Protein backbone atom coordinates (compact mmCIF):
# COMPACT_ATOMS: atom_id res chain seq x y z
CA MET A 1 -14.08 7.06 6.30
CA ARG A 2 -11.35 8.85 8.25
CA ARG A 3 -12.16 6.75 11.33
CA ARG A 4 -11.75 3.59 9.28
CA SER A 5 -8.39 4.75 7.90
CA ILE A 6 -7.12 5.47 11.40
CA PHE A 7 -8.40 2.08 12.55
CA LEU A 8 -6.62 0.29 9.68
CA LEU A 9 -3.40 2.19 10.42
CA PHE A 10 -3.67 1.12 14.06
CA LEU A 11 -4.16 -2.49 12.96
CA PHE A 12 -1.15 -2.35 10.68
CA LEU A 13 1.07 -0.98 13.44
CA PHE A 14 -0.16 -2.90 16.46
CA VAL A 15 -1.83 -6.17 15.41
CA PRO A 16 0.41 -9.15 16.14
CA ARG A 17 2.47 -10.27 13.13
CA ALA A 18 0.75 -13.67 12.99
CA TRP A 19 -2.43 -11.81 12.01
CA ALA A 20 -0.92 -9.22 9.74
CA ASP A 21 1.15 -11.57 7.58
CA GLU A 22 -1.73 -12.61 5.37
CA PHE A 23 -5.33 -11.56 4.87
CA VAL A 24 -8.21 -13.19 3.07
CA ALA A 25 -7.79 -12.46 -0.64
CA GLY A 26 -9.50 -9.22 -1.64
CA THR A 27 -9.50 -7.82 1.91
CA GLU A 28 -7.11 -5.86 4.05
CA ASP A 29 -9.00 -6.40 7.28
CA VAL A 30 -9.93 -10.09 7.54
CA PRO A 31 -6.95 -12.19 8.64
CA LEU A 32 -6.31 -15.53 7.00
CA MET A 33 -6.00 -18.18 9.68
CA PRO A 34 -2.58 -19.84 9.80
CA GLY A 35 -3.01 -23.27 8.21
CA LEU A 36 -5.44 -22.01 5.58
CA LYS A 37 -4.07 -21.40 2.10
CA PRO A 38 -5.88 -19.19 -0.42
CA ILE A 39 -7.28 -20.97 -3.46
CA THR A 40 -5.63 -19.24 -6.39
CA GLY A 41 -8.08 -17.39 -8.61
CA SER A 42 -11.00 -17.76 -6.21
CA ALA A 43 -11.20 -14.11 -5.15
CA LEU A 44 -13.89 -11.90 -6.67
CA VAL A 45 -14.02 -8.26 -5.61
CA PHE A 46 -16.70 -5.74 -6.52
CA ASP A 47 -16.89 -2.16 -5.30
CA LYS A 48 -20.40 -0.78 -5.35
CA PRO A 49 -21.85 2.47 -4.03
CA GLU A 50 -23.55 0.40 -1.30
CA GLY A 51 -20.19 -1.15 -0.28
CA ARG A 52 -17.76 -3.81 -1.34
CA ILE A 53 -18.49 -7.42 -2.14
CA VAL A 54 -15.69 -9.94 -1.72
CA GLU A 55 -15.85 -13.68 -2.25
CA ALA A 56 -12.75 -15.78 -1.60
CA GLN A 57 -11.88 -19.35 -0.71
CA ALA A 58 -9.12 -20.97 1.31
CA GLN A 59 -8.42 -24.53 2.27
CA GLY A 60 -6.40 -26.43 4.83
CA ALA A 61 -6.02 -29.50 6.99
CA LEU A 62 -8.01 -27.96 9.84
CA SER A 63 -11.27 -28.64 11.62
CA ARG A 64 -14.33 -26.43 11.39
CA ALA A 65 -14.22 -25.97 15.18
CA LYS A 66 -10.62 -24.67 15.06
CA VAL A 67 -11.45 -22.23 12.28
CA GLN A 68 -14.52 -20.98 14.14
CA SER A 69 -12.45 -20.61 17.32
CA PHE A 70 -9.74 -18.62 15.52
CA TYR A 71 -12.25 -16.17 14.07
CA ALA A 72 -14.25 -15.97 17.31
CA THR A 73 -11.04 -14.79 19.00
CA SER A 74 -9.50 -12.61 16.29
CA LEU A 75 -12.44 -10.85 14.62
CA PRO A 76 -13.80 -9.05 17.72
CA GLN A 77 -10.33 -7.55 18.23
CA LEU A 78 -10.65 -6.12 14.72
CA GLY A 79 -14.03 -4.54 15.39
CA TRP A 80 -16.28 -7.34 14.10
CA LYS A 81 -19.37 -8.26 16.13
CA LYS A 82 -20.58 -11.85 16.16
CA ILE A 83 -24.08 -12.43 14.72
CA SER A 84 -23.89 -16.23 14.69
CA ALA A 85 -21.19 -18.91 14.74
CA ASP A 86 -20.35 -18.14 11.11
CA GLN A 87 -21.49 -14.53 10.60
CA TRP A 88 -19.92 -11.25 11.68
CA GLN A 89 -20.79 -7.60 11.23
CA ARG A 90 -18.73 -4.43 11.30
CA ASP A 91 -20.17 -1.07 10.36
CA ALA A 92 -22.34 -1.75 7.30
CA GLU A 93 -20.53 -4.92 6.24
CA ARG A 94 -21.32 -8.57 6.92
CA LEU A 95 -18.77 -11.39 6.83
CA THR A 96 -20.03 -14.94 6.34
CA LEU A 97 -17.97 -18.11 6.58
CA ASP A 98 -19.24 -21.23 4.80
CA PHE A 99 -17.59 -24.60 5.19
CA ARG A 100 -17.24 -27.46 2.73
CA GLY A 101 -15.51 -30.78 3.08
CA GLU A 102 -14.56 -32.76 6.14
CA ASP A 103 -12.35 -31.85 9.06
CA GLY A 104 -8.79 -32.28 7.86
CA HIS A 105 -9.77 -31.41 4.26
CA LEU A 106 -11.69 -28.21 4.83
CA THR A 107 -12.57 -25.44 2.38
CA VAL A 108 -13.74 -22.12 3.80
CA ASP A 109 -15.74 -19.69 1.66
CA PHE A 110 -15.44 -16.08 2.84
CA THR A 111 -18.18 -13.68 1.72
CA LEU A 112 -18.01 -10.00 2.62
CA SER A 113 -20.99 -7.91 1.57
CA PRO A 114 -22.94 -4.77 2.45
CA GLN A 115 -25.60 -5.36 5.06
């Protein structure tokens, strides 16, 4: 836990401002891609002994490929390891991105859960 706190402090101090301005609702460690706007009221957060569960949605006039590219670049710098094009893992947590809609009218579902 102490390691994670030090890591988050490092992120707060040294991560570029474009990343630190906004995070996915319910998280403090998953950046919200510029161009995506949170869907008000979509965030659900549960803390369990096994870990946290977060579900949130954001939408924007972006393409799936651009969103995937943003997270493929930014998440590894935050300690996330790529499992597949839309799944990431860090410590005992898994982040999944699900896409709905068409390019230009995209909704992204973020799910963070214990592995």
